[in-house]
Amino acid sequence: MKVTRNIIIGLLIFIGLITIPFWYNLYKPVKQPEISLDTPEIQALEVKQCIEETDYMRAKHMELLADWKVEVVREENRIYIAKDGREFLMCVEQTCLYCHSNKSEFCDACHKYAGVEPNCWSCHNEKQ
């Protein structure tokens, strides 16, 4: 009986120690990044509109870029036709990063907040 009691006490101490990070961070709010769209390239545009709607780009840009990779590399298709019929070159540097030239404040801020590390830069060069 004493062995069972010691095992239970040991398990409770173990669970308590393992869950310390959870309890420590339980009520700490995480501040969402403030995204700046104030780049010279965007300000120079007459129509300030991304290739798709803002809500779509926030939720699905990673799927869009993955589809672009397949289309460009495997299908040799380099033209993306948006839902509204506009055409864009499927190129991160010339399409996305042309307007969003503030990568550290735009892309990196959200990716850090979400805890993801995109693999874009294994093929594409970052702007200096």
C-alpha atoms as a PDB file:
ATOM      1  CA  MET A   1       0.000   0.000   0.000  1.00  0.00           C
ATOM      2  CA  LYS A   2       2.859   2.351   0.818  1.00  0.00           C
ATOM      3  CA  VAL A   3       4.452   1.624  -2.594  1.00  0.00           C
ATOM      4  CA  THR A   4       1.207   2.571  -4.372  1.00  0.00           C
ATOM      5  CA  ARG A   5       1.009   5.809  -2.402  1.00  0.00           C
ATOM      6  CA  ASN A   6       4.618   6.676  -3.298  1.00  0.00           C
ATOM      7  CA  ILE A   7       3.962   5.905  -6.977  1.00  0.00           C
ATOM      8  CA  ILE A   8       0.916   8.186  -7.005  1.00  0.00           C
ATOM      9  CA  ILE A   9       2.822  10.992  -5.257  1.00  0.00           C
ATOM     10  CA  GLY A  10       5.713  10.549  -7.713  1.00  0.00           C
ATOM     11  CA  LEU A  11       3.326  10.690 -10.695  1.00  0.00           C
ATOM     12  CA  LEU A  12       1.659  13.848  -9.370  1.00  0.00           C
ATOM     13  CA  ILE A  13       5.030  15.534  -8.899  1.00  0.00           C
ATOM     14  CA  PHE A  14       6.091  14.432 -12.392  1.00  0.00           C
ATOM     15  CA  ILE A  15       2.862  15.727 -13.989  1.00  0.00           C
ATOM     16  CA  GLY A  16       3.216  18.980 -12.049  1.00  0.00           C
ATOM     17  CA  LEU A  17       6.765  19.510 -13.294  1.00  0.00           C
ATOM     18  CA  ILE A  18       5.932  18.601 -16.888  1.00  0.00           C
ATOM     19  CA  THR A  19       2.997  21.037 -16.983  1.00  0.00           C
ATOM     20  CA  ILE A  20       4.867  24.042 -15.518  1.00  0.00           C
ATOM     21  CA  PRO A  21       5.254  25.729 -18.961  1.00  0.00           C
ATOM     22  CA  PHE A  22       1.502  25.429 -19.540  1.00  0.00           C
ATOM     23  CA  TRP A  23       0.597  26.941 -16.169  1.00  0.00           C
ATOM     24  CA  TYR A  24       3.261  29.631 -16.495  1.00  0.00           C
ATOM     25  CA  ASN A  25       1.865  30.857 -19.833  1.00  0.00           C
ATOM     26  CA  LEU A  26      -1.817  30.216 -19.173  1.00  0.00           C
ATOM     27  CA  TYR A  27      -2.981  33.816 -18.784  1.00  0.00           C
ATOM     28  CA  LYS A  28      -0.303  35.669 -20.697  1.00  0.00           C
ATOM     29  CA  PRO A  29      -1.911  37.312 -23.726  1.00  0.00           C
ATOM     30  CA  VAL A  30       0.050  37.131 -26.956  1.00  0.00           C
ATOM     31  CA  LYS A  31       0.020  40.415 -28.821  1.00  0.00           C
ATOM     32  CA  GLN A  32      -0.854  40.083 -32.480  1.00  0.00           C
ATOM     33  CA  PRO A  33       1.627  41.702 -34.832  1.00  0.00           C
ATOM     34  CA  GLU A  34       0.766  45.053 -36.339  1.00  0.00           C
ATOM     35  CA  ILE A  35       1.213  44.688 -40.071  1.00  0.00           C
ATOM     36  CA  SER A  36       2.398  47.724 -41.968  1.00  0.00           C
ATOM     37  CA  LEU A  37       1.241  48.125 -45.552  1.00  0.00           C
ATOM     38  CA  ASP A  38       2.981  51.465 -45.799  1.00  0.00           C
ATOM     39  CA  THR A  39       5.659  50.657 -48.361  1.00  0.00           C
ATOM     40  CA  PRO A  40       6.658  53.023 -51.179  1.00  0.00           C
ATOM     41  CA  GLU A  41       5.581  50.436 -53.735  1.00  0.00           C
ATOM     42  CA  ILE A  42       2.079  50.096 -52.277  1.00  0.00           C
ATOM     43  CA  GLN A  43       1.692  53.859 -51.849  1.00  0.00           C
ATOM     44  CA  ALA A  44       2.596  54.349 -55.531  1.00  0.00           C
ATOM     45  CA  LEU A  45      -0.180  52.020 -56.711  1.00  0.00           C
ATOM     46  CA  GLU A  46      -3.342  53.601 -58.068  1.00  0.00           C
ATOM     47  CA  VAL A  47      -5.398  50.558 -57.059  1.00  0.00           C
ATOM     48  CA  LYS A  48      -4.228  49.081 -53.770  1.00  0.00           C
ATOM     49  CA  GLN A  49      -5.427  45.517 -54.233  1.00  0.00           C
ATOM     50  CA  CYS A  50      -3.619  42.233 -53.693  1.00  0.00           C
ATOM     51  CA  ILE A  51      -3.880  39.391 -56.189  1.00  0.00           C
ATOM     52  CA  GLU A  52      -6.878  38.031 -54.239  1.00  0.00           C
ATOM     53  CA  GLU A  53      -9.165  39.380 -51.511  1.00  0.00           C
ATOM     54  CA  THR A  54      -7.504  40.277 -48.195  1.00  0.00           C
ATOM     55  CA  ASP A  55      -9.366  37.642 -46.149  1.00  0.00           C
ATOM     56  CA  TYR A  56      -8.425  34.952 -48.669  1.00  0.00           C
ATOM     57  CA  MET A  57      -4.768  35.993 -48.641  1.00  0.00           C
ATOM     58  CA  ARG A  58      -4.611  36.008 -44.832  1.00  0.00           C
ATOM     59  CA  ALA A  59      -6.117  32.541 -44.574  1.00  0.00           C
ATOM     60  CA  LYS A  60      -4.845  30.781 -47.677  1.00  0.00           C
ATOM     61  CA  HIS A  61      -1.684  32.458 -48.972  1.00  0.00           C
ATOM     62  CA  MET A  62       0.360  29.418 -48.003  1.00  0.00           C
ATOM     63  CA  GLU A  63      -1.853  27.143 -50.090  1.00  0.00           C
ATOM     64  CA  LEU A  64      -1.705  29.612 -52.973  1.00  0.00           C
ATOM     65  CA  LEU A  65       2.098  29.697 -52.858  1.00  0.00           C
ATOM     66  CA  ALA A  66       2.276  25.884 -52.650  1.00  0.00           C
ATOM     67  CA  ASP A  67       0.021  25.675 -55.719  1.00  0.00           C
ATOM     68  CA  TRP A  68       2.239  28.207 -57.498  1.00  0.00           C
ATOM     69  CA  LYS A  69       5.291  26.073 -56.764  1.00  0.00           C
ATOM     70  CA  VAL A  70       3.655  23.029 -58.346  1.00  0.00           C
ATOM     71  CA  GLU A  71       2.378  25.003 -61.333  1.00  0.00           C
ATOM     72  CA  VAL A  72       5.716  26.679 -62.063  1.00  0.00           C
ATOM     73  CA  VAL A  73       8.095  23.817 -61.353  1.00  0.00           C
ATOM     74  CA  ARG A  74       6.096  20.808 -62.507  1.00  0.00           C
ATOM     75  CA  GLU A  75       3.558  22.183 -64.990  1.00  0.00           C
ATOM     76  CA  GLU A  76       5.735  24.989 -66.431  1.00  0.00           C
ATOM     77  CA  ASN A  77       2.849  27.433 -66.038  1.00  0.00           C
ATOM     78  CA  ARG A  78       4.019  30.877 -64.907  1.00  0.00           C
ATOM     79  CA  ILE A  79       0.800  32.900 -65.183  1.00  0.00           C
ATOM     80  CA  TYR A  80      -1.733  33.030 -62.347  1.00  0.00           C
ATOM     81  CA  ILE A  81      -5.247  34.143 -63.193  1.00  0.00           C
ATOM     82  CA  ALA A  82      -6.978  35.684 -60.184  1.00  0.00           C
ATOM     83  CA  LYS A  83     -10.665  35.178 -59.450  1.00  0.00           C
ATOM     84  CA  ASP A  84     -11.410  38.570 -60.972  1.00  0.00           C
ATOM     85  CA  GLY A  85      -9.555  37.683 -64.202  1.00  0.00           C
ATOM     86  CA  ARG A  86      -6.356  39.672 -63.617  1.00  0.00           C
ATOM     87  CA  GLU A  87      -3.122  37.933 -64.564  1.00  0.00           C
ATOM     88  CA  PHE A  88       0.036  37.783 -62.457  1.00  0.00           C
ATOM     89  CA  LEU A  89       3.459  36.255 -62.856  1.00  0.00           C
ATOM     90  CA  MET A  90       3.827  33.409 -60.340  1.00  0.00           C
ATOM     91  CA  CYS A  91       6.992  34.718 -58.730  1.00  0.00           C
ATOM     92  CA  VAL A  92       7.429  35.530 -55.052  1.00  0.00           C
ATOM     93  CA  GLU A  93      10.062  38.215 -55.667  1.00  0.00           C
ATOM     94  CA  GLN A  94       8.273  39.999 -58.520  1.00  0.00           C
ATOM     95  CA  THR A  95       4.700  39.657 -57.280  1.00  0.00           C
ATOM     96  CA  CYS A  96       4.503  39.316 -53.484  1.00  0.00           C
ATOM     97  CA  LEU A  97       7.724  40.962 -52.383  1.00  0.00           C
ATOM     98  CA  TYR A  98       7.410  43.741 -54.945  1.00  0.00           C
ATOM     99  CA  CYS A  99       4.580  45.283 -52.923  1.00  0.00           C
ATOM    100  CA  HIS A 100       5.404  43.763 -49.546  1.00  0.00           C
ATOM    101  CA  SER A 101       9.008  44.909 -49.623  1.00  0.00           C
ATOM    102  CA  ASN A 102       9.067  45.169 -45.825  1.00  0.00           C
ATOM    103  CA  LYS A 103       9.493  41.403 -45.368  1.00  0.00           C
ATOM    104  CA  SER A 104      10.776  41.622 -41.791  1.00  0.00           C
ATOM    105  CA  GLU A 105       7.766  43.713 -40.731  1.00  0.00           C
ATOM    106  CA  PHE A 106       5.193  41.967 -42.929  1.00  0.00           C
ATOM    107  CA  CYS A 107       5.971  38.290 -43.539  1.00  0.00           C
ATOM    108  CA  ASP A 108       8.318  37.578 -40.658  1.00  0.00           C
ATOM    109  CA  ALA A 109       6.105  39.245 -38.031  1.00  0.00           C
ATOM    110  CA  CYS A 110       3.100  37.018 -38.775  1.00  0.00           C
ATOM    111  CA  HIS A 111       5.153  33.873 -39.280  1.00  0.00           C
ATOM    112  CA  LYS A 112       6.860  34.402 -35.916  1.00  0.00           C
ATOM    113  CA  TYR A 113       3.480  35.030 -34.240  1.00  0.00           C
ATOM    114  CA  ALA A 114       2.016  31.859 -35.796  1.00  0.00           C
ATOM    115  CA  GLY A 115       5.137  29.832 -35.004  1.00  0.00           C
ATOM    116  CA  VAL A 116       5.776  28.748 -38.588  1.00  0.00           C
ATOM    117  CA  GLU A 117       8.931  28.796 -40.638  1.00  0.00           C
ATOM    118  CA  PRO A 118       8.168  28.935 -44.361  1.00  0.00           C
ATOM    119  CA  ASN A 119      10.516  27.197 -46.755  1.00  0.00           C
ATOM    120  CA  CYS A 120      10.258  29.898 -49.443  1.00  0.00           C
ATOM    121  CA  TRP A 121      13.830  31.005 -48.923  1.00  0.00           C
ATOM    122  CA  SER A 122      15.298  27.613 -49.714  1.00  0.00           C
ATOM    123  CA  CYS A 123      14.733  28.528 -53.393  1.00  0.00           C
ATOM    124  CA  HIS A 124      14.124  32.282 -53.406  1.00  0.00           C
ATOM    125  CA  ASN A 125      16.607  34.971 -52.458  1.00  0.00           C
ATOM    126  CA  GLU A 126      15.628  37.466 -49.803  1.00  0.00           C
ATOM    127  CA  LYS A 127      15.796  41.136 -50.708  1.00  0.00           C
ATOM    128  CA  GLN A 128      18.689  42.783 -48.922  1.00  0.00           C
END
